[in-house]
Amino acid sequence: MRPSSITATVDFECNGVQHGFLKLPHSHDFSAWGSIMIPVTVVKNGEGPTALLSGANHGDEYEGPIALFELANKLTPEEVSGRVIIVPAMNYPAFRAGKRTSPIDSGNLNRLFPGKPDGTVTEKIADYFHRFLLPLSDFVLDLHSGGRTLTFLPFAATSRSTDEALQARGIAAMRAFNAPYSTLLMEIGGAGMYDESAEAMGKVFVTTELGGGGSASAATAAIAKRGVRNFLKHAGILDGEPELSATVELDIPDDTCFVTAETSGLLEICVDLGETVRSGDLVARVHDPERTGSAPVDYLATMDGLLVGRHFPGLVQIGDPIVMLAVPRESSS
């Protein structure tokens, strides 16, 4: 196997708790022999499954880092049967910059898998997860929210898959996370996503969208903290049963769930998160910000459903998603 330029300062096979770094050499104007130091914690106790937990795949999404930095501080080996690998901020340069993408190479980590060992900084991070961390893991949880440009009803999700058995395991883990909404998700991001790498290896993969707007609320951080421990209980790594409350089962089956801006301008959202709409209902208007007397462009629901996500800033650009809709799903499926 071709080596990675990333080295871990922790031993993934050692029992106990270790706090360290994924060390990625990065030479730049202010540090000729510098390194990017990505925090990592490993908690191991004997044999058992491994869970890989990550946040800040996109650097402006904060529920994941909040929950995982706390978990790294509190989790003890005595609680664990197996191993937990915690990376609170996967795309660490983006996280420190408060940006979705890396300030070093503009890399969107969640579009660059499986990565390249000799590629850009972000491609090297993707490669390390793909070739070194994912193969160690049985269960993978990647915590997301809407970042600065989107906001969502808080949901856990697993991807639609042609592997029915793997999808069923993903749905069970998603339900165990127990966000207020649980969603079977059709990704629109295209190739190169982290979940594709994980699922191609047969790993149980759960993700989330827990809020947005470039910050975290007390409520969404609490959902993340409880959900992480529920996920570990479901995996058999922590004792006990997941703490479950009611969750609404949803499906995002195809791209008709997304209403996309075909004009740029001032966004007026006409339906709030959590409201139901019928196909053809007005969901948003985009006003011309450059002159008065110009009629706004109306955007209509493309289907019957629940509004689960929306563009967050008050100005929208052509090509931006305006709203995302979901439909109810039978909990037995």
C-alpha atoms as a PDB file:
ATOM      1  CA  MET A   1       0.000   0.000   0.000  1.00  0.00           C
ATOM      2  CA  ARG A   2       1.275   3.443  -0.898  1.00  0.00           C
ATOM      3  CA  PRO A   3       2.039   5.330   2.323  1.00  0.00           C
ATOM      4  CA  SER A   4       0.124   8.436   3.321  1.00  0.00           C
ATOM      5  CA  SER A   5       1.911  11.653   4.142  1.00  0.00           C
ATOM      6  CA  ILE A   6      -0.380  11.786   7.201  1.00  0.00           C
ATOM      7  CA  THR A   7       0.932  10.088  10.322  1.00  0.00           C
ATOM      8  CA  ALA A   8      -1.043   9.469  13.503  1.00  0.00           C
ATOM      9  CA  THR A   9       0.478  10.316  16.879  1.00  0.00           C
ATOM     10  CA  VAL A  10      -1.862   7.745  18.483  1.00  0.00           C
ATOM     11  CA  ASP A  11      -1.760   3.949  18.309  1.00  0.00           C
ATOM     12  CA  PHE A  12      -5.128   2.701  17.072  1.00  0.00           C
ATOM     13  CA  GLU A  13      -4.438  -0.779  18.507  1.00  0.00           C
ATOM     14  CA  CYS A  14      -3.573   0.314  22.030  1.00  0.00           C
ATOM     15  CA  ASN A  15      -6.083  -0.070  24.872  1.00  0.00           C
ATOM     16  CA  GLY A  16      -6.957   3.010  26.898  1.00  0.00           C
ATOM     17  CA  VAL A  17      -7.652   6.586  25.896  1.00  0.00           C
ATOM     18  CA  GLN A  18      -5.273   8.551  23.697  1.00  0.00           C
ATOM     19  CA  HIS A  19      -5.497  12.162  22.563  1.00  0.00           C
ATOM     20  CA  GLY A  20      -3.292  13.126  19.656  1.00  0.00           C
ATOM     21  CA  PHE A  21      -3.172  14.289  16.082  1.00  0.00           C
ATOM     22  CA  LEU A  22      -3.294  13.262  12.468  1.00  0.00           C
ATOM     23  CA  LYS A  23      -0.156  15.092  11.370  1.00  0.00           C
ATOM     24  CA  LEU A  24      -0.122  16.332   7.772  1.00  0.00           C
ATOM     25  CA  PRO A  25       3.081  18.086   6.633  1.00  0.00           C
ATOM     26  CA  HIS A  26       2.275  21.381   4.963  1.00  0.00           C
ATOM     27  CA  SER A  27       5.010  23.777   3.886  1.00  0.00           C
ATOM     28  CA  HIS A  28       3.900  27.374   3.447  1.00  0.00           C
ATOM     29  CA  ASP A  29       5.202  30.932   3.680  1.00  0.00           C
ATOM     30  CA  PHE A  30       4.883  31.142   7.467  1.00  0.00           C
ATOM     31  CA  SER A  31       6.216  27.676   8.316  1.00  0.00           C
ATOM     32  CA  ALA A  32       8.623  26.040   5.893  1.00  0.00           C
ATOM     33  CA  TRP A  33       8.433  22.651   7.630  1.00  0.00           C
ATOM     34  CA  GLY A  34       5.010  23.086   9.165  1.00  0.00           C
ATOM     35  CA  SER A  35       2.230  20.562   9.688  1.00  0.00           C
ATOM     36  CA  ILE A  36      -1.552  20.608   9.910  1.00  0.00           C
ATOM     37  CA  MET A  37      -2.421  18.981  13.231  1.00  0.00           C
ATOM     38  CA  ILE A  38      -5.899  17.397  13.077  1.00  0.00           C
ATOM     39  CA  PRO A  39      -7.090  16.449  16.590  1.00  0.00           C
ATOM     40  CA  VAL A  40      -7.978  12.779  17.096  1.00  0.00           C
ATOM     41  CA  THR A  41      -8.971  10.683  20.098  1.00  0.00           C
ATOM     42  CA  VAL A  42      -8.979   6.891  20.324  1.00  0.00           C
ATOM     43  CA  VAL A  43     -10.745   5.069  23.148  1.00  0.00           C
ATOM     44  CA  LYS A  44     -10.239   1.299  23.114  1.00  0.00           C
ATOM     45  CA  ASN A  45     -11.093  -1.530  25.476  1.00  0.00           C
ATOM     46  CA  GLY A  46     -10.475  -5.055  24.250  1.00  0.00           C
ATOM     47  CA  GLU A  47     -12.194  -6.692  21.311  1.00  0.00           C
ATOM     48  CA  GLY A  48     -15.383  -5.437  19.723  1.00  0.00           C
ATOM     49  CA  PRO A  49     -16.700  -3.224  16.948  1.00  0.00           C
ATOM     50  CA  THR A  50     -15.133   0.078  15.927  1.00  0.00           C
ATOM     51  CA  ALA A  51     -17.049   3.307  15.418  1.00  0.00           C
ATOM     52  CA  LEU A  52     -15.522   6.188  13.483  1.00  0.00           C
ATOM     53  CA  LEU A  53     -17.097   9.509  14.482  1.00  0.00           C
ATOM     54  CA  SER A  54     -16.433  12.744  12.601  1.00  0.00           C
ATOM     55  CA  GLY A  55     -17.538  16.354  12.427  1.00  0.00           C
ATOM     56  CA  ALA A  56     -16.661  19.433  10.353  1.00  0.00           C
ATOM     57  CA  ASN A  57     -16.382  17.517   7.106  1.00  0.00           C
ATOM     58  CA  HIS A  58     -17.482  20.998   6.114  1.00  0.00           C
ATOM     59  CA  GLY A  59     -15.779  23.570   8.292  1.00  0.00           C
ATOM     60  CA  ASP A  60     -18.770  25.856   8.992  1.00  0.00           C
ATOM     61  CA  GLU A  61     -20.945  23.139  10.564  1.00  0.00           C
ATOM     62  CA  TYR A  62     -20.675  23.078  14.348  1.00  0.00           C
ATOM     63  CA  GLU A  63     -22.953  20.549  16.043  1.00  0.00           C
ATOM     64  CA  GLY A  64     -20.528  17.739  15.192  1.00  0.00           C
ATOM     65  CA  PRO A  65     -17.427  19.409  16.635  1.00  0.00           C
ATOM     66  CA  ILE A  66     -19.329  20.472  19.768  1.00  0.00           C
ATOM     67  CA  ALA A  67     -20.588  16.956  20.449  1.00  0.00           C
ATOM     68  CA  LEU A  68     -17.341  15.212  19.556  1.00  0.00           C
ATOM     69  CA  PHE A  69     -14.909  17.471  21.415  1.00  0.00           C
ATOM     70  CA  GLU A  70     -17.093  16.887  24.476  1.00  0.00           C
ATOM     71  CA  LEU A  71     -17.232  13.126  23.899  1.00  0.00           C
ATOM     72  CA  ALA A  72     -13.447  13.013  23.500  1.00  0.00           C
ATOM     73  CA  ASN A  73     -13.082  14.735  26.880  1.00  0.00           C
ATOM     74  CA  LYS A  74     -15.558  12.490  28.710  1.00  0.00           C
ATOM     75  CA  LEU A  75     -15.477   8.982  27.218  1.00  0.00           C
ATOM     76  CA  THR A  76     -13.527   6.453  29.282  1.00  0.00           C
ATOM     77  CA  PRO A  77     -12.192   3.009  28.339  1.00  0.00           C
ATOM     78  CA  GLU A  78     -14.301   1.431  31.094  1.00  0.00           C
ATOM     79  CA  GLU A  79     -17.458   2.493  29.221  1.00  0.00           C
ATOM     80  CA  VAL A  80     -16.309   0.990  25.926  1.00  0.00           C
ATOM     81  CA  SER A  81     -16.400  -2.499  24.476  1.00  0.00           C
ATOM     82  CA  GLY A  82     -14.371  -2.221  21.299  1.00  0.00           C
ATOM     83  CA  ARG A  83     -13.017   1.028  19.920  1.00  0.00           C
ATOM     84  CA  VAL A  84     -14.136   4.582  19.209  1.00  0.00           C
ATOM     85  CA  ILE A  85     -12.148   6.841  16.869  1.00  0.00           C
ATOM     86  CA  ILE A  86     -13.145  10.499  17.225  1.00  0.00           C
ATOM     87  CA  VAL A  87     -12.145  13.183  14.716  1.00  0.00           C
ATOM     88  CA  PRO A  88     -14.134  16.285  15.701  1.00  0.00           C
ATOM     89  CA  ALA A  89     -12.969  18.343  12.707  1.00  0.00           C
ATOM     90  CA  MET A  90     -12.136  16.314   9.595  1.00  0.00           C
ATOM     91  CA  ASN A  91     -11.387  19.269   7.331  1.00  0.00           C
ATOM     92  CA  TYR A  92      -9.395  21.029  10.024  1.00  0.00           C
ATOM     93  CA  PRO A  93      -8.163  23.950   7.897  1.00  0.00           C
ATOM     94  CA  ALA A  94     -11.761  24.728   6.861  1.00  0.00           C
ATOM     95  CA  PHE A  95     -12.946  24.388  10.466  1.00  0.00           C
ATOM     96  CA  ARG A  96     -10.359  26.835  11.781  1.00  0.00           C
ATOM     97  CA  ALA A  97     -11.247  29.290   9.008  1.00  0.00           C
ATOM     98  CA  GLY A  98     -15.013  28.954   9.584  1.00  0.00           C
ATOM     99  CA  LYS A  99     -15.472  28.054   5.921  1.00  0.00           C
ATOM    100  CA  ARG A 100     -17.202  25.203   4.137  1.00  0.00           C
ATOM    101  CA  THR A 101     -14.077  24.489   2.105  1.00  0.00           C
ATOM    102  CA  SER A 102     -10.381  24.590   2.852  1.00  0.00           C
ATOM    103  CA  PRO A 103      -8.691  28.010   2.761  1.00  0.00           C
ATOM    104  CA  ILE A 104      -5.542  26.245   1.534  1.00  0.00           C
ATOM    105  CA  ASP A 105      -6.771  24.591  -1.656  1.00  0.00           C
ATOM    106  CA  SER A 106     -10.526  25.412  -1.741  1.00  0.00           C
ATOM    107  CA  GLY A 107     -11.123  21.681  -1.303  1.00  0.00           C
ATOM    108  CA  ASN A 108     -14.604  20.443  -0.432  1.00  0.00           C
ATOM    109  CA  LEU A 109     -13.660  17.304   1.488  1.00  0.00           C
ATOM    110  CA  ASN A 110     -17.054  15.679   0.938  1.00  0.00           C
ATOM    111  CA  ARG A 111     -16.600  15.805  -2.832  1.00  0.00           C
ATOM    112  CA  LEU A 112     -13.016  14.505  -3.013  1.00  0.00           C
ATOM    113  CA  PHE A 113     -13.206  10.860  -1.883  1.00  0.00           C
ATOM    114  CA  PRO A 114     -11.382   8.537  -2.278  1.00  0.00           C
ATOM    115  CA  GLY A 115      -8.720  11.228  -2.326  1.00  0.00           C
ATOM    116  CA  LYS A 116      -5.106  11.085  -3.480  1.00  0.00           C
ATOM    117  CA  PRO A 117      -2.011  10.357  -1.396  1.00  0.00           C
ATOM    118  CA  ASP A 118      -0.021  12.795  -3.546  1.00  0.00           C
ATOM    119  CA  GLY A 119      -2.824  15.319  -4.110  1.00  0.00           C
ATOM    120  CA  THR A 120      -3.824  18.574  -2.501  1.00  0.00           C
ATOM    121  CA  VAL A 121      -4.099  18.960   1.276  1.00  0.00           C
ATOM    122  CA  THR A 122      -7.816  18.118   1.204  1.00  0.00           C
ATOM    123  CA  GLU A 123      -7.279  15.151  -1.121  1.00  0.00           C
ATOM    124  CA  LYS A 124      -4.657  13.807   1.290  1.00  0.00           C
ATOM    125  CA  ILE A 125      -7.132  14.002   4.182  1.00  0.00           C
ATOM    126  CA  ALA A 126      -9.748  12.146   2.123  1.00  0.00           C
ATOM    127  CA  ASP A 127      -7.183   9.518   1.161  1.00  0.00           C
ATOM    128  CA  TYR A 128      -6.207   8.923   4.795  1.00  0.00           C
ATOM    129  CA  PHE A 129      -9.805   8.387   5.846  1.00  0.00           C
ATOM    130  CA  HIS A 130     -10.455   6.176   2.813  1.00  0.00           C
ATOM    131  CA  ARG A 131      -7.389   3.933   3.082  1.00  0.00           C
ATOM    132  CA  PHE A 132      -6.592   3.936   6.792  1.00  0.00           C
ATOM    133  CA  LEU A 133      -9.536   4.897   9.018  1.00  0.00           C
ATOM    134  CA  LEU A 134     -12.538   3.471   7.167  1.00  0.00           C
ATOM    135  CA  PRO A 135     -10.987  -0.031   6.928  1.00  0.00           C
ATOM    136  CA  LEU A 136     -10.622  -0.047  10.744  1.00  0.00           C
ATOM    137  CA  SER A 137     -14.302   0.778  11.217  1.00  0.00           C
ATOM    138  CA  ASP A 138     -17.609  -1.064  11.359  1.00  0.00           C
ATOM    139  CA  PHE A 139     -19.911   1.895  12.049  1.00  0.00           C
ATOM    140  CA  VAL A 140     -19.386   5.417  10.687  1.00  0.00           C
ATOM    141  CA  LEU A 141     -21.154   8.577  11.870  1.00  0.00           C
ATOM    142  CA  ASP A 142     -20.476  11.846  10.034  1.00  0.00           C
ATOM    143  CA  LEU A 143     -22.232  14.802  11.652  1.00  0.00           C
ATOM    144  CA  HIS A 144     -23.369  17.616   9.354  1.00  0.00           C
ATOM    145  CA  SER A 145     -25.592  20.687   9.479  1.00  0.00           C
ATOM    146  CA  GLY A 146     -26.440  23.364   6.946  1.00  0.00           C
ATOM    147  CA  GLY A 147     -23.420  25.598   7.428  1.00  0.00           C
ATOM    148  CA  ARG A 148     -23.654  29.282   6.569  1.00  0.00           C
ATOM    149  CA  THR A 149     -25.834  28.862   3.477  1.00  0.00           C
ATOM    150  CA  LEU A 150     -28.507  26.318   4.481  1.00  0.00           C
ATOM    151  CA  THR A 151     -30.699  25.434   7.440  1.00  0.00           C
ATOM    152  CA  PHE A 152     -32.629  22.223   8.092  1.00  0.00           C
ATOM    153  CA  LEU A 153     -35.082  20.552  10.348  1.00  0.00           C
ATOM    154  CA  PRO A 154     -32.817  18.402  12.541  1.00  0.00           C
ATOM    155  CA  PHE A 155     -32.607  14.984  10.918  1.00  0.00           C
ATOM    156  CA  ALA A 156     -30.414  11.906  10.870  1.00  0.00           C
ATOM    157  CA  ALA A 157     -30.081  10.186   7.522  1.00  0.00           C
ATOM    158  CA  THR A 158     -28.756   7.183   5.731  1.00  0.00           C
ATOM    159  CA  SER A 159     -28.357   6.926   1.980  1.00  0.00           C
ATOM    160  CA  ARG A 160     -30.459   4.977  -0.460  1.00  0.00           C
ATOM    161  CA  SER A 161     -28.515   1.892  -1.513  1.00  0.00           C
ATOM    162  CA  THR A 162     -28.820  -0.981  -3.957  1.00  0.00           C
ATOM    163  CA  ASP A 163     -27.504  -3.215  -1.151  1.00  0.00           C
ATOM    164  CA  GLU A 164     -30.754  -3.884   0.704  1.00  0.00           C
ATOM    165  CA  ALA A 165     -29.100  -5.556   3.688  1.00  0.00           C
ATOM    166  CA  LEU A 166     -26.641  -2.700   4.180  1.00  0.00           C
ATOM    167  CA  GLN A 167     -29.413  -0.132   3.755  1.00  0.00           C
ATOM    168  CA  ALA A 168     -31.492  -1.915   6.408  1.00  0.00           C
ATOM    169  CA  ARG A 169     -28.555  -1.753   8.825  1.00  0.00           C
ATOM    170  CA  GLY A 170     -28.120   1.933   8.026  1.00  0.00           C
ATOM    171  CA  ILE A 171     -31.811   2.616   8.677  1.00  0.00           C
ATOM    172  CA  ALA A 172     -31.593   0.827  12.033  1.00  0.00           C
ATOM    173  CA  ALA A 173     -28.558   2.893  13.057  1.00  0.00           C
ATOM    174  CA  MET A 174     -30.226   6.102  11.843  1.00  0.00           C
ATOM    175  CA  ARG A 175     -33.308   5.343  13.949  1.00  0.00           C
ATOM    176  CA  ALA A 176     -31.103   4.623  16.949  1.00  0.00           C
ATOM    177  CA  PHE A 177     -29.432   8.038  16.610  1.00  0.00           C
ATOM    178  CA  ASN A 178     -32.981   9.291  17.126  1.00  0.00           C
ATOM    179  CA  ALA A 179     -33.025  12.810  15.765  1.00  0.00           C
ATOM    180  CA  PRO A 180     -36.479  14.421  15.638  1.00  0.00           C
ATOM    181  CA  TYR A 181     -36.605  13.429  11.952  1.00  0.00           C
ATOM    182  CA  SER A 182     -35.122  10.316  10.312  1.00  0.00           C
ATOM    183  CA  THR A 183     -34.598  10.472   6.570  1.00  0.00           C
ATOM    184  CA  LEU A 184     -33.771   8.058   3.791  1.00  0.00           C
ATOM    185  CA  LEU A 185     -31.693  10.343   1.622  1.00  0.00           C
ATOM    186  CA  MET A 186     -30.924  10.630  -2.056  1.00  0.00           C
ATOM    187  CA  GLU A 187     -27.730  12.692  -2.253  1.00  0.00           C
ATOM    188  CA  ILE A 188     -27.489  15.373  -4.928  1.00  0.00           C
ATOM    189  CA  GLY A 189     -23.827  16.135  -4.331  1.00  0.00           C
ATOM    190  CA  GLY A 190     -22.482  13.930  -7.089  1.00  0.00           C
ATOM    191  CA  ALA A 191     -19.422  11.693  -6.960  1.00  0.00           C
ATOM    192  CA  GLY A 192     -16.680  11.793  -4.377  1.00  0.00           C
ATOM    193  CA  MET A 193     -18.743  11.737  -1.192  1.00  0.00           C
ATOM    194  CA  TYR A 194     -17.583  10.177   2.073  1.00  0.00           C
ATOM    195  CA  ASP A 195     -20.651   7.963   2.395  1.00  0.00           C
ATOM    196  CA  GLU A 196     -19.913   6.390  -0.993  1.00  0.00           C
ATOM    197  CA  SER A 197     -16.482   5.278   0.197  1.00  0.00           C
ATOM    198  CA  ALA A 198     -17.852   3.940   3.478  1.00  0.00           C
ATOM    199  CA  GLU A 199     -20.752   2.053   1.930  1.00  0.00           C
ATOM    200  CA  ALA A 200     -18.580   0.588  -0.833  1.00  0.00           C
ATOM    201  CA  MET A 201     -16.601  -1.064   1.984  1.00  0.00           C
ATOM    202  CA  GLY A 202     -19.789  -2.373   3.610  1.00  0.00           C
ATOM    203  CA  LYS A 203     -19.697   0.046   6.544  1.00  0.00           C
ATOM    204  CA  VAL A 204     -22.879   1.151   8.314  1.00  0.00           C
ATOM    205  CA  PHE A 205     -23.025   4.883   7.605  1.00  0.00           C
ATOM    206  CA  VAL A 206     -25.215   7.538   9.222  1.00  0.00           C
ATOM    207  CA  THR A 207     -25.082  11.275   8.639  1.00  0.00           C
ATOM    208  CA  THR A 208     -27.103  14.238   9.880  1.00  0.00           C
ATOM    209  CA  GLU A 209     -28.338  17.693   9.041  1.00  0.00           C
ATOM    210  CA  LEU A 210     -28.940  19.272  12.438  1.00  0.00           C
ATOM    211  CA  GLY A 211     -29.580  22.950  11.777  1.00  0.00           C
ATOM    212  CA  GLY A 212     -27.570  25.560   9.952  1.00  0.00           C
ATOM    213  CA  GLY A 213     -26.908  29.239   9.474  1.00  0.00           C
ATOM    214  CA  GLY A 214     -23.253  28.900  10.418  1.00  0.00           C
ATOM    215  CA  SER A 215     -23.884  28.310  14.117  1.00  0.00           C
ATOM    216  CA  ALA A 216     -25.389  25.773  16.517  1.00  0.00           C
ATOM    217  CA  SER A 217     -28.264  26.126  18.962  1.00  0.00           C
ATOM    218  CA  ALA A 218     -28.551  24.555  22.396  1.00  0.00           C
ATOM    219  CA  ALA A 219     -31.255  22.268  20.994  1.00  0.00           C
ATOM    220  CA  THR A 220     -29.286  21.043  17.975  1.00  0.00           C
ATOM    221  CA  ALA A 221     -26.090  20.538  20.000  1.00  0.00           C
ATOM    222  CA  ALA A 222     -28.111  18.465  22.494  1.00  0.00           C
ATOM    223  CA  ILE A 223     -29.493  16.328  19.649  1.00  0.00           C
ATOM    224  CA  ALA A 224     -25.935  15.668  18.461  1.00  0.00           C
ATOM    225  CA  LYS A 225     -24.625  14.795  21.931  1.00  0.00           C
ATOM    226  CA  ARG A 226     -27.449  12.374  22.708  1.00  0.00           C
ATOM    227  CA  GLY A 227     -27.418  10.937  19.190  1.00  0.00           C
ATOM    228  CA  VAL A 228     -23.711  10.106  19.320  1.00  0.00           C
ATOM    229  CA  ARG A 229     -24.148   8.049  22.478  1.00  0.00           C
ATOM    230  CA  ASN A 230     -27.283   6.410  21.070  1.00  0.00           C
ATOM    231  CA  PHE A 231     -25.283   5.460  17.975  1.00  0.00           C
ATOM    232  CA  LEU A 232     -22.539   3.890  20.112  1.00  0.00           C
ATOM    233  CA  LYS A 233     -25.111   1.949  22.131  1.00  0.00           C
ATOM    234  CA  HIS A 234     -26.682   0.662  18.918  1.00  0.00           C
ATOM    235  CA  ALA A 235     -23.238  -0.454  17.733  1.00  0.00           C
ATOM    236  CA  GLY A 236     -22.759  -2.425  20.945  1.00  0.00           C
ATOM    237  CA  ILE A 237     -19.803  -0.281  22.010  1.00  0.00           C
ATOM    238  CA  LEU A 238     -21.569   1.372  24.952  1.00  0.00           C
ATOM    239  CA  ASP A 239     -23.813  -0.524  27.348  1.00  0.00           C
ATOM    240  CA  GLY A 240     -27.539   0.031  27.456  1.00  0.00           C
ATOM    241  CA  GLU A 241     -30.269   0.769  24.995  1.00  0.00           C
ATOM    242  CA  PRO A 242     -30.539   3.992  22.971  1.00  0.00           C
ATOM    243  CA  GLU A 243     -32.658   6.687  24.608  1.00  0.00           C
ATOM    244  CA  LEU A 244     -35.528   6.901  22.139  1.00  0.00           C
ATOM    245  CA  SER A 245     -38.273   9.438  21.633  1.00  0.00           C
ATOM    246  CA  ALA A 246     -40.645  10.037  18.734  1.00  0.00           C
ATOM    247  CA  THR A 247     -39.042  10.545  15.308  1.00  0.00           C
ATOM    248  CA  VAL A 248     -40.773  11.415  12.047  1.00  0.00           C
ATOM    249  CA  GLU A 249     -39.788   9.077   9.224  1.00  0.00           C
ATOM    250  CA  LEU A 250     -39.130  10.860   5.925  1.00  0.00           C
ATOM    251  CA  ASP A 251     -37.909  10.051   2.437  1.00  0.00           C
ATOM    252  CA  ILE A 252     -36.018  12.236  -0.036  1.00  0.00           C
ATOM    253  CA  PRO A 253     -36.347   9.942  -3.048  1.00  0.00           C
ATOM    254  CA  ASP A 254     -35.130  11.989  -6.014  1.00  0.00           C
ATOM    255  CA  ASP A 255     -34.200  15.425  -7.309  1.00  0.00           C
ATOM    256  CA  THR A 256     -37.834  16.548  -7.576  1.00  0.00           C
ATOM    257  CA  CYS A 257     -37.503  17.244  -3.836  1.00  0.00           C
ATOM    258  CA  PHE A 258     -35.275  20.236  -4.566  1.00  0.00           C
ATOM    259  CA  VAL A 259     -36.404  23.654  -5.812  1.00  0.00           C
ATOM    260  CA  THR A 260     -33.462  25.478  -7.408  1.00  0.00           C
ATOM    261  CA  ALA A 261     -33.072  29.195  -8.071  1.00  0.00           C
ATOM    262  CA  GLU A 262     -33.147  30.140 -11.742  1.00  0.00           C
ATOM    263  CA  THR A 263     -32.679  33.828 -10.930  1.00  0.00           C
ATOM    264  CA  SER A 264     -30.551  35.812  -8.503  1.00  0.00           C
ATOM    265  CA  GLY A 265     -31.812  38.372  -6.048  1.00  0.00           C
ATOM    266  CA  LEU A 266     -33.565  39.004  -2.746  1.00  0.00           C
ATOM    267  CA  LEU A 267     -35.051  35.796  -1.319  1.00  0.00           C
ATOM    268  CA  GLU A 268     -38.473  35.791   0.304  1.00  0.00           C
ATOM    269  CA  ILE A 269     -39.265  32.421   1.863  1.00  0.00           C
ATOM    270  CA  CYS A 270     -43.034  31.899   1.905  1.00  0.00           C
ATOM    271  CA  VAL A 271     -43.186  28.598   3.819  1.00  0.00           C
ATOM    272  CA  ASP A 272     -41.303  27.884   7.048  1.00  0.00           C
ATOM    273  CA  LEU A 273     -39.394  24.762   7.994  1.00  0.00           C
ATOM    274  CA  GLY A 274     -41.690  21.978   9.126  1.00  0.00           C
ATOM    275  CA  GLU A 275     -44.738  23.175   7.174  1.00  0.00           C
ATOM    276  CA  THR A 276     -46.486  20.938   4.648  1.00  0.00           C
ATOM    277  CA  VAL A 277     -47.094  21.991   1.068  1.00  0.00           C
ATOM    278  CA  ARG A 278     -48.966  20.727  -1.950  1.00  0.00           C
ATOM    279  CA  SER A 279     -47.482  20.530  -5.433  1.00  0.00           C
ATOM    280  CA  GLY A 280     -47.822  23.959  -7.029  1.00  0.00           C
ATOM    281  CA  ASP A 281     -47.932  25.901  -3.743  1.00  0.00           C
ATOM    282  CA  LEU A 282     -45.865  29.066  -3.556  1.00  0.00           C
ATOM    283  CA  VAL A 283     -42.740  28.367  -1.486  1.00  0.00           C
ATOM    284  CA  ALA A 284     -40.551  31.388  -2.274  1.00  0.00           C
ATOM    285  CA  ARG A 285     -40.160  34.555  -4.301  1.00  0.00           C
ATOM    286  CA  VAL A 286     -36.986  36.120  -5.626  1.00  0.00           C
ATOM    287  CA  HIS A 287     -37.144  39.885  -5.991  1.00  0.00           C
ATOM    288  CA  ASP A 288     -35.037  41.977  -8.357  1.00  0.00           C
ATOM    289  CA  PRO A 289     -32.775  43.969  -6.000  1.00  0.00           C
ATOM    290  CA  GLU A 290     -31.631  46.421  -8.657  1.00  0.00           C
ATOM    291  CA  ARG A 291     -34.868  48.261  -9.420  1.00  0.00           C
ATOM    292  CA  THR A 292     -38.413  48.824  -8.247  1.00  0.00           C
ATOM    293  CA  GLY A 293     -41.433  48.031 -10.385  1.00  0.00           C
ATOM    294  CA  SER A 294     -40.099  44.616 -11.412  1.00  0.00           C
ATOM    295  CA  ALA A 295     -42.294  41.627 -10.558  1.00  0.00           C
ATOM    296  CA  PRO A 296     -40.677  38.932  -8.398  1.00  0.00           C
ATOM    297  CA  VAL A 297     -40.143  35.416  -9.715  1.00  0.00           C
ATOM    298  CA  ASP A 298     -42.347  32.864  -7.955  1.00  0.00           C
ATOM    299  CA  TYR A 299     -41.039  29.411  -7.031  1.00  0.00           C
ATOM    300  CA  LEU A 300     -43.555  26.610  -6.538  1.00  0.00           C
ATOM    301  CA  ALA A 301     -43.449  23.299  -4.708  1.00  0.00           C
ATOM    302  CA  THR A 302     -42.544  20.491  -7.069  1.00  0.00           C
ATOM    303  CA  MET A 303     -44.388  17.863  -5.027  1.00  0.00           C
ATOM    304  CA  ASP A 304     -46.568  17.300  -1.975  1.00  0.00           C
ATOM    305  CA  GLY A 305     -44.372  17.152   1.101  1.00  0.00           C
ATOM    306  CA  LEU A 306     -42.776  18.663   4.176  1.00  0.00           C
ATOM    307  CA  LEU A 307     -40.328  21.556   3.916  1.00  0.00           C
ATOM    308  CA  VAL A 308     -37.179  20.198   5.592  1.00  0.00           C
ATOM    309  CA  GLY A 309     -34.473  22.541   4.314  1.00  0.00           C
ATOM    310  CA  ARG A 310     -34.041  26.033   2.910  1.00  0.00           C
ATOM    311  CA  HIS A 311     -31.481  28.533   1.708  1.00  0.00           C
ATOM    312  CA  PHE A 312     -30.399  30.601   4.715  1.00  0.00           C
ATOM    313  CA  PRO A 313     -28.958  33.959   3.549  1.00  0.00           C
ATOM    314  CA  GLY A 314     -31.338  36.673   2.396  1.00  0.00           C
ATOM    315  CA  LEU A 315     -29.716  36.900  -1.035  1.00  0.00           C
ATOM    316  CA  VAL A 316     -29.777  33.970  -3.434  1.00  0.00           C
ATOM    317  CA  GLN A 317     -27.752  33.245  -6.564  1.00  0.00           C
ATOM    318  CA  ILE A 318     -28.872  31.408  -9.668  1.00  0.00           C
ATOM    319  CA  GLY A 319     -28.270  27.682  -9.117  1.00  0.00           C
ATOM    320  CA  ASP A 320     -28.664  27.826  -5.340  1.00  0.00           C
ATOM    321  CA  PRO A 321     -31.125  25.419  -3.726  1.00  0.00           C
ATOM    322  CA  ILE A 322     -34.069  27.416  -2.386  1.00  0.00           C
ATOM    323  CA  VAL A 323     -35.957  24.693  -0.512  1.00  0.00           C
ATOM    324  CA  MET A 324     -35.786  20.944   0.002  1.00  0.00           C
ATOM    325  CA  LEU A 325     -38.913  18.818   0.437  1.00  0.00           C
ATOM    326  CA  ALA A 326     -39.430  15.354   1.868  1.00  0.00           C
ATOM    327  CA  VAL A 327     -42.302  12.908   1.919  1.00  0.00           C
ATOM    328  CA  PRO A 328     -43.509  10.695   4.797  1.00  0.00           C
ATOM    329  CA  ARG A 329     -42.116   7.174   4.893  1.00  0.00           C
ATOM    330  CA  GLU A 330     -43.596   4.139   6.538  1.00  0.00           C
ATOM    331  CA  SER A 331     -41.459   3.312   9.576  1.00  0.00           C
ATOM    332  CA  SER A 332     -41.433  -0.397   8.702  1.00  0.00           C
ATOM    333  CA  SER A 333     -39.601   0.186   5.404  1.00  0.00           C
END
